[in-house]
Amino acid sequence: KWYQPLRNKFGFVMFLGHGALLRRSCWEEVGGF
């Protein structure tokens, strides 16, 4: 509640490894994980 939402406005939103929806074309562009 306190450490994640504010990153939309004041920081870097991290992919936290689970519970996320990703764009495949981005995965292709960077060569995978």
PDB file of all heavy atoms in Angstrom:
ATOM      1  N   LYS A   1       0.813  -1.214   0.000  1.00  0.00           N
ATOM      2  CA  LYS A   1       0.000   0.000   0.000  1.00  0.00           C
ATOM      3  C   LYS A   1       0.845   1.263   0.000  1.00  0.00           C
ATOM      4  O   LYS A   1       0.516   2.246  -0.687  1.00  0.00           O
ATOM      5  CB  LYS A   1      -0.927  -0.010   1.225  1.00  0.00           C
ATOM      6  CG  LYS A   1      -1.796   1.236   1.369  1.00  0.00           C
ATOM      7  CD  LYS A   1      -2.698   1.141   2.592  1.00  0.00           C
ATOM      8  CE  LYS A   1      -3.532   2.400   2.764  1.00  0.00           C
ATOM      9  NZ  LYS A   1      -4.421   2.312   3.946  1.00  0.00           N
ATOM     10  N   TRP A   2       1.958   1.255   0.750  1.00  0.00           N
ATOM     11  CA  TRP A   2       2.746   2.465   0.933  1.00  0.00           C
ATOM     12  C   TRP A   2       3.939   2.580  -0.017  1.00  0.00           C
ATOM     13  O   TRP A   2       4.340   3.706  -0.350  1.00  0.00           O
ATOM     14  CB  TRP A   2       3.242   2.558   2.376  1.00  0.00           C
ATOM     15  CG  TRP A   2       2.168   2.892   3.352  1.00  0.00           C
ATOM     16  CD1 TRP A   2       1.299   2.023   3.957  1.00  0.00           C
ATOM     17  CD2 TRP A   2       1.816   4.195   3.837  1.00  0.00           C
ATOM     18  NE1 TRP A   2       0.441   2.692   4.791  1.00  0.00           N
ATOM     19  CE2 TRP A   2       0.736   4.032   4.739  1.00  0.00           C
ATOM     20  CE3 TRP A   2       2.315   5.466   3.606  1.00  0.00           C
ATOM     21  CZ2 TRP A   2       0.155   5.112   5.390  1.00  0.00           C
ATOM     22  CZ3 TRP A   2       1.739   6.545   4.272  1.00  0.00           C
ATOM     23  CH2 TRP A   2       0.664   6.360   5.153  1.00  0.00           C
ATOM     24  N   TYR A   3       4.509   1.478  -0.449  1.00  0.00           N
ATOM     25  CA  TYR A   3       5.781   1.537  -1.172  1.00  0.00           C
ATOM     26  C   TYR A   3       5.672   1.342  -2.683  1.00  0.00           C
ATOM     27  O   TYR A   3       6.668   1.513  -3.383  1.00  0.00           O
ATOM     28  CB  TYR A   3       6.760   0.512  -0.600  1.00  0.00           C
ATOM     29  CG  TYR A   3       7.475   1.008   0.631  1.00  0.00           C
ATOM     30  CD1 TYR A   3       6.834   1.056   1.861  1.00  0.00           C
ATOM     31  CD2 TYR A   3       8.781   1.468   0.569  1.00  0.00           C
ATOM     32  CE1 TYR A   3       7.468   1.520   2.998  1.00  0.00           C
ATOM     33  CE2 TYR A   3       9.439   1.941   1.695  1.00  0.00           C
ATOM     34  CZ  TYR A   3       8.770   1.963   2.904  1.00  0.00           C
ATOM     35  OH  TYR A   3       9.418   2.440   4.023  1.00  0.00           O
ATOM     36  N   GLN A   4       4.506   0.996  -3.218  1.00  0.00           N
ATOM     37  CA  GLN A   4       4.418   0.731  -4.654  1.00  0.00           C
ATOM     38  C   GLN A   4       3.623   1.761  -5.454  1.00  0.00           C
ATOM     39  O   GLN A   4       4.115   2.246  -6.477  1.00  0.00           O
ATOM     40  CB  GLN A   4       3.846  -0.676  -4.884  1.00  0.00           C
ATOM     41  CG  GLN A   4       4.676  -1.804  -4.295  1.00  0.00           C
ATOM     42  CD  GLN A   4       6.112  -1.821  -4.784  1.00  0.00           C
ATOM     43  OE1 GLN A   4       6.414  -1.406  -5.901  1.00  0.00           O
ATOM     44  NE2 GLN A   4       7.019  -2.296  -3.953  1.00  0.00           N
ATOM     45  N   PRO A   5       2.397   2.134  -5.070  1.00  0.00           N
ATOM     46  CA  PRO A   5       1.597   3.004  -5.950  1.00  0.00           C
ATOM     47  C   PRO A   5       2.255   4.338  -6.288  1.00  0.00           C
ATOM     48  O   PRO A   5       2.122   4.822  -7.423  1.00  0.00           O
ATOM     49  CB  PRO A   5       0.305   3.209  -5.152  1.00  0.00           C
ATOM     50  CG  PRO A   5       0.203   2.004  -4.271  1.00  0.00           C
ATOM     51  CD  PRO A   5       1.614   1.681  -3.892  1.00  0.00           C
ATOM     52  N   LEU A   6       2.949   4.961  -5.333  1.00  0.00           N
ATOM     53  CA  LEU A   6       3.515   6.294  -5.591  1.00  0.00           C
ATOM     54  C   LEU A   6       4.530   6.301  -6.711  1.00  0.00           C
ATOM     55  O   LEU A   6       4.852   7.356  -7.279  1.00  0.00           O
ATOM     56  CB  LEU A   6       4.148   6.849  -4.314  1.00  0.00           C
ATOM     57  CG  LEU A   6       5.552   6.360  -3.936  1.00  0.00           C
ATOM     58  CD1 LEU A   6       6.207   7.365  -2.989  1.00  0.00           C
ATOM     59  CD2 LEU A   6       5.570   5.001  -3.338  1.00  0.00           C
ATOM     60  N   ARG A   7       5.061   5.116  -7.084  1.00  0.00           N
ATOM     61  CA  ARG A   7       6.066   5.069  -8.152  1.00  0.00           C
ATOM     62  C   ARG A   7       5.479   5.464  -9.511  1.00  0.00           C
ATOM     63  O   ARG A   7       6.224   5.830 -10.420  1.00  0.00           O
ATOM     64  CB  ARG A   7       6.687   3.669  -8.226  1.00  0.00           C
ATOM     65  CG  ARG A   7       7.588   3.349  -7.041  1.00  0.00           C
ATOM     66  CD  ARG A   7       8.397   2.089  -7.295  1.00  0.00           C
ATOM     67  NE  ARG A   7       9.568   2.053  -6.431  1.00  0.00           N
ATOM     68  CZ  ARG A   7       9.726   1.220  -5.419  1.00  0.00           C
ATOM     69  NH1 ARG A   7       8.779   0.348  -5.123  1.00  0.00           N
ATOM     70  NH2 ARG A   7      10.824   1.244  -4.693  1.00  0.00           N
ATOM     71  N   ASN A   8       4.163   5.384  -9.657  1.00  0.00           N
ATOM     72  CA  ASN A   8       3.540   5.872 -10.893  1.00  0.00           C
ATOM     73  C   ASN A   8       3.834   7.346 -11.132  1.00  0.00           C
ATOM     74  O   ASN A   8       3.854   7.809 -12.278  1.00  0.00           O
ATOM     75  CB  ASN A   8       2.025   5.673 -10.842  1.00  0.00           C
ATOM     76  CG  ASN A   8       1.603   4.252 -11.157  1.00  0.00           C
ATOM     77  OD1 ASN A   8       2.249   3.559 -11.939  1.00  0.00           O
ATOM     78  ND2 ASN A   8       0.514   3.814 -10.551  1.00  0.00           N
ATOM     79  N   LYS A   9       4.049   8.092 -10.052  1.00  0.00           N
ATOM     80  CA  LYS A   9       4.216   9.544 -10.162  1.00  0.00           C
ATOM     81  C   LYS A   9       5.609  10.017  -9.753  1.00  0.00           C
ATOM     82  O   LYS A   9       6.085  11.042 -10.250  1.00  0.00           O
ATOM     83  CB  LYS A   9       3.169  10.240  -9.278  1.00  0.00           C
ATOM     84  CG  LYS A   9       3.021  11.726  -9.543  1.00  0.00           C
ATOM     85  CD  LYS A   9       2.432  12.006 -10.910  1.00  0.00           C
ATOM     86  CE  LYS A   9       2.180  13.486 -11.132  1.00  0.00           C
ATOM     87  NZ  LYS A   9       1.649  13.750 -12.494  1.00  0.00           N
ATOM     88  N   PHE A  10       6.277   9.262  -8.866  1.00  0.00           N
ATOM     89  CA  PHE A  10       7.515   9.783  -8.283  1.00  0.00           C
ATOM     90  C   PHE A  10       8.720   8.853  -8.417  1.00  0.00           C
ATOM     91  O   PHE A  10       9.709   9.058  -7.717  1.00  0.00           O
ATOM     92  CB  PHE A  10       7.285  10.097  -6.795  1.00  0.00           C
ATOM     93  CG  PHE A  10       6.205  11.097  -6.537  1.00  0.00           C
ATOM     94  CD1 PHE A  10       5.030  10.728  -5.903  1.00  0.00           C
ATOM     95  CD2 PHE A  10       6.347  12.417  -6.935  1.00  0.00           C
ATOM     96  CE1 PHE A  10       4.028  11.635  -5.652  1.00  0.00           C
ATOM     97  CE2 PHE A  10       5.344  13.342  -6.692  1.00  0.00           C
ATOM     98  CZ  PHE A  10       4.178  12.953  -6.053  1.00  0.00           C
ATOM     99  N   GLY A  11       8.653   7.834  -9.269  1.00  0.00           N
ATOM    100  CA  GLY A  11       9.807   6.939  -9.315  1.00  0.00           C
ATOM    101  C   GLY A  11       9.773   5.980 -10.486  1.00  0.00           C
ATOM    102  O   GLY A  11       9.298   6.317 -11.583  1.00  0.00           O
ATOM    103  N   PHE A  12      10.267   4.778 -10.254  1.00  0.00           N
ATOM    104  CA  PHE A  12      10.392   3.738 -11.274  1.00  0.00           C
ATOM    105  C   PHE A  12       9.491   2.575 -10.909  1.00  0.00           C
ATOM    106  O   PHE A  12       9.649   1.975  -9.844  1.00  0.00           O
ATOM    107  CB  PHE A  12      11.857   3.259 -11.347  1.00  0.00           C
ATOM    108  CG  PHE A  12      12.104   2.173 -12.347  1.00  0.00           C
ATOM    109  CD1 PHE A  12      12.342   2.484 -13.678  1.00  0.00           C
ATOM    110  CD2 PHE A  12      12.103   0.838 -11.961  1.00  0.00           C
ATOM    111  CE1 PHE A  12      12.580   1.478 -14.609  1.00  0.00           C
ATOM    112  CE2 PHE A  12      12.350  -0.172 -12.883  1.00  0.00           C
ATOM    113  CZ  PHE A  12      12.574   0.152 -14.219  1.00  0.00           C
ATOM    114  N   VAL A  13       8.535   2.254 -11.773  1.00  0.00           N
ATOM    115  CA  VAL A  13       7.648   1.119 -11.529  1.00  0.00           C
ATOM    116  C   VAL A  13       8.402  -0.160 -11.877  1.00  0.00           C
ATOM    117  O   VAL A  13       8.852  -0.337 -13.006  1.00  0.00           O
ATOM    118  CB  VAL A  13       6.355   1.222 -12.349  1.00  0.00           C
ATOM    119  CG1 VAL A  13       5.505  -0.029 -12.167  1.00  0.00           C
ATOM    120  CG2 VAL A  13       5.567   2.457 -11.927  1.00  0.00           C
ATOM    121  N   MET A  14       8.532  -1.037 -10.909  1.00  0.00           N
ATOM    122  CA  MET A  14       9.267  -2.273 -11.099  1.00  0.00           C
ATOM    123  C   MET A  14       8.338  -3.416 -11.484  1.00  0.00           C
ATOM    124  O   MET A  14       7.209  -3.491 -10.993  1.00  0.00           O
ATOM    125  CB  MET A  14      10.012  -2.662  -9.812  1.00  0.00           C
ATOM    126  CG  MET A  14      11.023  -1.651  -9.346  1.00  0.00           C
ATOM    127  SD  MET A  14      11.898  -2.224  -7.870  1.00  0.00           S
ATOM    128  CE  MET A  14      12.899  -0.777  -7.501  1.00  0.00           C
ATOM    129  N   PHE A  15       8.829  -4.284 -12.357  1.00  0.00           N
ATOM    130  CA  PHE A  15       8.186  -5.572 -12.569  1.00  0.00           C
ATOM    131  C   PHE A  15       8.629  -6.454 -11.409  1.00  0.00           C
ATOM    132  O   PHE A  15       9.823  -6.712 -11.234  1.00  0.00           O
ATOM    133  CB  PHE A  15       8.602  -6.155 -13.918  1.00  0.00           C
ATOM    134  CG  PHE A  15       8.212  -7.598 -14.117  1.00  0.00           C
ATOM    135  CD1 PHE A  15       6.962  -8.070 -13.716  1.00  0.00           C
ATOM    136  CD2 PHE A  15       9.088  -8.488 -14.712  1.00  0.00           C
ATOM    137  CE1 PHE A  15       6.608  -9.398 -13.896  1.00  0.00           C
ATOM    138  CE2 PHE A  15       8.752  -9.810 -14.900  1.00  0.00           C
ATOM    139  CZ  PHE A  15       7.514 -10.275 -14.493  1.00  0.00           C
ATOM    140  N   LEU A  16       7.692  -6.912 -10.608  1.00  0.00           N
ATOM    141  CA  LEU A  16       8.011  -7.608  -9.366  1.00  0.00           C
ATOM    142  C   LEU A  16       7.963  -9.131  -9.503  1.00  0.00           C
ATOM    143  O   LEU A  16       7.896  -9.859  -8.518  1.00  0.00           O
ATOM    144  CB  LEU A  16       7.082  -7.136  -8.259  1.00  0.00           C
ATOM    145  CG  LEU A  16       7.230  -5.635  -7.958  1.00  0.00           C
ATOM    146  CD1 LEU A  16       6.137  -5.146  -7.038  1.00  0.00           C
ATOM    147  CD2 LEU A  16       8.596  -5.323  -7.385  1.00  0.00           C
ATOM    148  N   GLY A  17       8.000  -9.608 -10.743  1.00  0.00           N
ATOM    149  CA  GLY A  17       8.196 -11.028 -10.984  1.00  0.00           C
ATOM    150  C   GLY A  17       6.946 -11.875 -11.003  1.00  0.00           C
ATOM    151  O   GLY A  17       7.006 -13.048 -11.370  1.00  0.00           O
ATOM    152  N   HIS A  18       5.814 -11.311 -10.632  1.00  0.00           N
ATOM    153  CA  HIS A  18       4.571 -12.072 -10.611  1.00  0.00           C
ATOM    154  C   HIS A  18       3.394 -11.110 -10.560  1.00  0.00           C
ATOM    155  O   HIS A  18       3.542  -9.936 -10.207  1.00  0.00           O
ATOM    156  CB  HIS A  18       4.526 -13.010  -9.402  1.00  0.00           C
ATOM    157  CG  HIS A  18       4.547 -12.309  -8.077  1.00  0.00           C
ATOM    158  ND1 HIS A  18       5.682 -11.729  -7.562  1.00  0.00           N
ATOM    159  CD2 HIS A  18       3.570 -12.069  -7.167  1.00  0.00           C
ATOM    160  CE1 HIS A  18       5.411 -11.187  -6.393  1.00  0.00           C
ATOM    161  NE2 HIS A  18       4.137 -11.369  -6.122  1.00  0.00           N
ATOM    162  N   GLY A  19       2.236 -11.610 -10.950  1.00  0.00           N
ATOM    163  CA  GLY A  19       1.046 -10.769 -10.918  1.00  0.00           C
ATOM    164  C   GLY A  19       1.132  -9.599 -11.869  1.00  0.00           C
ATOM    165  O   GLY A  19       0.745  -8.485 -11.527  1.00  0.00           O
ATOM    166  N   ALA A  20       1.645  -9.837 -13.101  1.00  0.00           N
ATOM    167  CA  ALA A  20       1.819  -8.752 -14.058  1.00  0.00           C
ATOM    168  C   ALA A  20       1.465  -9.230 -15.460  1.00  0.00           C
ATOM    169  O   ALA A  20       1.575 -10.415 -15.775  1.00  0.00           O
ATOM    170  CB  ALA A  20       3.250  -8.228 -14.026  1.00  0.00           C
ATOM    171  N   LEU A  21       1.046  -8.296 -16.304  1.00  0.00           N
ATOM    172  CA  LEU A  21       0.757  -8.567 -17.710  1.00  0.00           C
ATOM    173  C   LEU A  21       1.802  -7.841 -18.552  1.00  0.00           C
ATOM    174  O   LEU A  21       2.011  -6.633 -18.386  1.00  0.00           O
ATOM    175  CB  LEU A  21      -0.650  -8.083 -18.069  1.00  0.00           C
ATOM    176  CG  LEU A  21      -1.130  -8.402 -19.486  1.00  0.00           C
ATOM    177  CD1 LEU A  21      -1.280  -9.914 -19.680  1.00  0.00           C
ATOM    178  CD2 LEU A  21      -2.459  -7.698 -19.775  1.00  0.00           C
ATOM    179  N   LEU A  22       2.447  -8.572 -19.474  1.00  0.00           N
ATOM    180  CA  LEU A  22       3.564  -8.037 -20.231  1.00  0.00           C
ATOM    181  C   LEU A  22       3.286  -8.080 -21.730  1.00  0.00           C
ATOM    182  O   LEU A  22       2.568  -8.954 -22.220  1.00  0.00           O
ATOM    183  CB  LEU A  22       4.848  -8.818 -19.936  1.00  0.00           C
ATOM    184  CG  LEU A  22       5.399  -8.732 -18.510  1.00  0.00           C
ATOM    185  CD1 LEU A  22       4.687  -9.693 -17.572  1.00  0.00           C
ATOM    186  CD2 LEU A  22       6.895  -9.013 -18.486  1.00  0.00           C
ATOM    187  N   ARG A  23       3.916  -7.163 -22.445  1.00  0.00           N
ATOM    188  CA  ARG A  23       3.799  -7.077 -23.896  1.00  0.00           C
ATOM    189  C   ARG A  23       4.894  -7.931 -24.534  1.00  0.00           C
ATOM    190  O   ARG A  23       6.082  -7.700 -24.310  1.00  0.00           O
ATOM    191  CB  ARG A  23       3.932  -5.615 -24.330  1.00  0.00           C
ATOM    192  CG  ARG A  23       3.583  -5.357 -25.796  1.00  0.00           C
ATOM    193  CD  ARG A  23       3.917  -3.905 -26.154  1.00  0.00           C
ATOM    194  NE  ARG A  23       3.193  -2.937 -25.360  1.00  0.00           N
ATOM    195  CZ  ARG A  23       1.976  -2.487 -25.651  1.00  0.00           C
ATOM    196  NH1 ARG A  23       1.347  -2.948 -26.718  1.00  0.00           N
ATOM    197  NH2 ARG A  23       1.392  -1.582 -24.880  1.00  0.00           N
ATOM    198  N   ARG A  24       4.498  -8.906 -25.333  1.00  0.00           N
ATOM    199  CA  ARG A  24       5.471  -9.825 -25.919  1.00  0.00           C
ATOM    200  C   ARG A  24       6.492  -9.120 -26.817  1.00  0.00           C
ATOM    201  O   ARG A  24       7.672  -9.463 -26.832  1.00  0.00           O
ATOM    202  CB  ARG A  24       4.751 -10.909 -26.715  1.00  0.00           C
ATOM    203  CG  ARG A  24       5.722 -11.913 -27.344  1.00  0.00           C
ATOM    204  CD  ARG A  24       5.063 -12.872 -28.304  1.00  0.00           C
ATOM    205  NE  ARG A  24       6.080 -13.656 -28.974  1.00  0.00           N
ATOM    206  CZ  ARG A  24       6.561 -14.818 -28.524  1.00  0.00           C
ATOM    207  NH1 ARG A  24       6.096 -15.332 -27.405  1.00  0.00           N
ATOM    208  NH2 ARG A  24       7.505 -15.464 -29.189  1.00  0.00           N
ATOM    209  N   SER A  25       6.054  -8.112 -27.579  1.00  0.00           N
ATOM    210  CA  SER A  25       6.974  -7.432 -28.490  1.00  0.00           C
ATOM    211  C   SER A  25       8.138  -6.790 -27.740  1.00  0.00           C
ATOM    212  O   SER A  25       9.248  -6.697 -28.261  1.00  0.00           O
ATOM    213  CB  SER A  25       6.225  -6.388 -29.320  1.00  0.00           C
ATOM    214  OG  SER A  25       5.604  -5.429 -28.473  1.00  0.00           O
ATOM    215  N   CYS A  26       7.894  -6.336 -26.502  1.00  0.00           N
ATOM    216  CA  CYS A  26       8.989  -5.786 -25.681  1.00  0.00           C
ATOM    217  C   CYS A  26       9.974  -6.888 -25.321  1.00  0.00           C
ATOM    218  O   CYS A  26      11.195  -6.686 -25.373  1.00  0.00           O
ATOM    219  CB  CYS A  26       8.427  -5.153 -24.412  1.00  0.00           C
ATOM    220  SG  CYS A  26       7.471  -3.666 -24.685  1.00  0.00           S
ATOM    221  N   TRP A  27       9.429  -8.051 -24.948  1.00  0.00           N
ATOM    222  CA  TRP A  27      10.290  -9.194 -24.618  1.00  0.00           C
ATOM    223  C   TRP A  27      11.165  -9.554 -25.812  1.00  0.00           C
ATOM    224  O   TRP A  27      12.353  -9.847 -25.664  1.00  0.00           O
ATOM    225  CB  TRP A  27       9.415 -10.369 -24.192  1.00  0.00           C
ATOM    226  CG  TRP A  27      10.167 -11.641 -23.958  1.00  0.00           C
ATOM    227  CD1 TRP A  27      10.783 -12.032 -22.800  1.00  0.00           C
ATOM    228  CD2 TRP A  27      10.385 -12.702 -24.900  1.00  0.00           C
ATOM    229  NE1 TRP A  27      11.378 -13.263 -22.963  1.00  0.00           N
ATOM    230  CE2 TRP A  27      11.145 -13.688 -24.237  1.00  0.00           C
ATOM    231  CE3 TRP A  27      10.009 -12.899 -26.229  1.00  0.00           C
ATOM    232  CZ2 TRP A  27      11.542 -14.869 -24.878  1.00  0.00           C
ATOM    233  CZ3 TRP A  27      10.410 -14.063 -26.858  1.00  0.00           C
ATOM    234  CH2 TRP A  27      11.157 -15.032 -26.193  1.00  0.00           C
ATOM    235  N   GLU A  28      10.594  -9.528 -27.002  1.00  0.00           N
ATOM    236  CA  GLU A  28      11.360  -9.832 -28.207  1.00  0.00           C
ATOM    237  C   GLU A  28      12.425  -8.770 -28.464  1.00  0.00           C
ATOM    238  O   GLU A  28      13.569  -9.084 -28.846  1.00  0.00           O
ATOM    239  CB  GLU A  28      10.417  -9.931 -29.403  1.00  0.00           C
ATOM    240  CG  GLU A  28       9.465 -11.110 -29.337  1.00  0.00           C
ATOM    241  CD  GLU A  28       8.394 -11.057 -30.417  1.00  0.00           C
ATOM    242  OE1 GLU A  28       8.289 -10.003 -31.094  1.00  0.00           O
ATOM    243  OE2 GLU A  28       7.671 -12.054 -30.585  1.00  0.00           O
ATOM    244  N   GLU A  29      12.072  -7.518 -28.245  1.00  0.00           N
ATOM    245  CA  GLU A  29      12.985  -6.417 -28.556  1.00  0.00           C
ATOM    246  C   GLU A  29      14.243  -6.437 -27.692  1.00  0.00           C
ATOM    247  O   GLU A  29      15.323  -6.069 -28.153  1.00  0.00           O
ATOM    248  CB  GLU A  29      12.246  -5.082 -28.402  1.00  0.00           C
ATOM    249  CG  GLU A  29      13.001  -3.897 -28.966  1.00  0.00           C
ATOM    250  CD  GLU A  29      12.127  -2.663 -29.073  1.00  0.00           C
ATOM    251  OE1 GLU A  29      10.901  -2.805 -29.221  1.00  0.00           O
ATOM    252  OE2 GLU A  29      12.688  -1.545 -29.011  1.00  0.00           O
ATOM    253  N   VAL A  30      14.121  -6.885 -26.440  1.00  0.00           N
ATOM    254  CA  VAL A  30      15.292  -6.917 -25.549  1.00  0.00           C
ATOM    255  C   VAL A  30      15.957  -8.290 -25.522  1.00  0.00           C
ATOM    256  O   VAL A  30      16.910  -8.500 -24.765  1.00  0.00           O
ATOM    257  CB  VAL A  30      14.909  -6.490 -24.112  1.00  0.00           C
ATOM    258  CG1 VAL A  30      14.377  -5.071 -24.112  1.00  0.00           C
ATOM    259  CG2 VAL A  30      13.901  -7.454 -23.483  1.00  0.00           C
ATOM    260  N   GLY A  31      15.451  -9.230 -26.307  1.00  0.00           N
ATOM    261  CA  GLY A  31      16.086 -10.537 -26.386  1.00  0.00           C
ATOM    262  C   GLY A  31      15.738 -11.479 -25.265  1.00  0.00           C
ATOM    263  O   GLY A  31      16.500 -12.417 -24.983  1.00  0.00           O
ATOM    264  N   GLY A  32      14.613 -11.269 -24.609  1.00  0.00           N
ATOM    265  CA  GLY A  32      14.182 -12.170 -23.546  1.00  0.00           C
ATOM    266  C   GLY A  32      14.617 -11.714 -22.173  1.00  0.00           C
ATOM    267  O   GLY A  32      15.222 -10.648 -21.990  1.00  0.00           O
ATOM    268  N   PHE A  33      14.289 -12.526 -21.177  1.00  0.00           N
ATOM    269  CA  PHE A  33      14.664 -12.240 -19.791  1.00  0.00           C
ATOM    270  C   PHE A  33      16.137 -12.574 -19.568  1.00  0.00           C
ATOM    271  O   PHE A  33      16.627 -13.621 -20.030  1.00  0.00           O
ATOM    272  CB  PHE A  33      13.812 -13.060 -18.814  1.00  0.00           C
ATOM    273  CG  PHE A  33      12.362 -12.683 -18.788  1.00  0.00           C
ATOM    274  CD1 PHE A  33      11.413 -13.480 -19.430  1.00  0.00           C
ATOM    275  CD2 PHE A  33      11.934 -11.543 -18.136  1.00  0.00           C
ATOM    276  CE1 PHE A  33      10.068 -13.144 -19.419  1.00  0.00           C
ATOM    277  CE2 PHE A  33      10.588 -11.194 -18.116  1.00  0.00           C
ATOM    278  CZ  PHE A  33       9.657 -12.001 -18.764  1.00  0.00           C
TER     279      PHE A  33
END
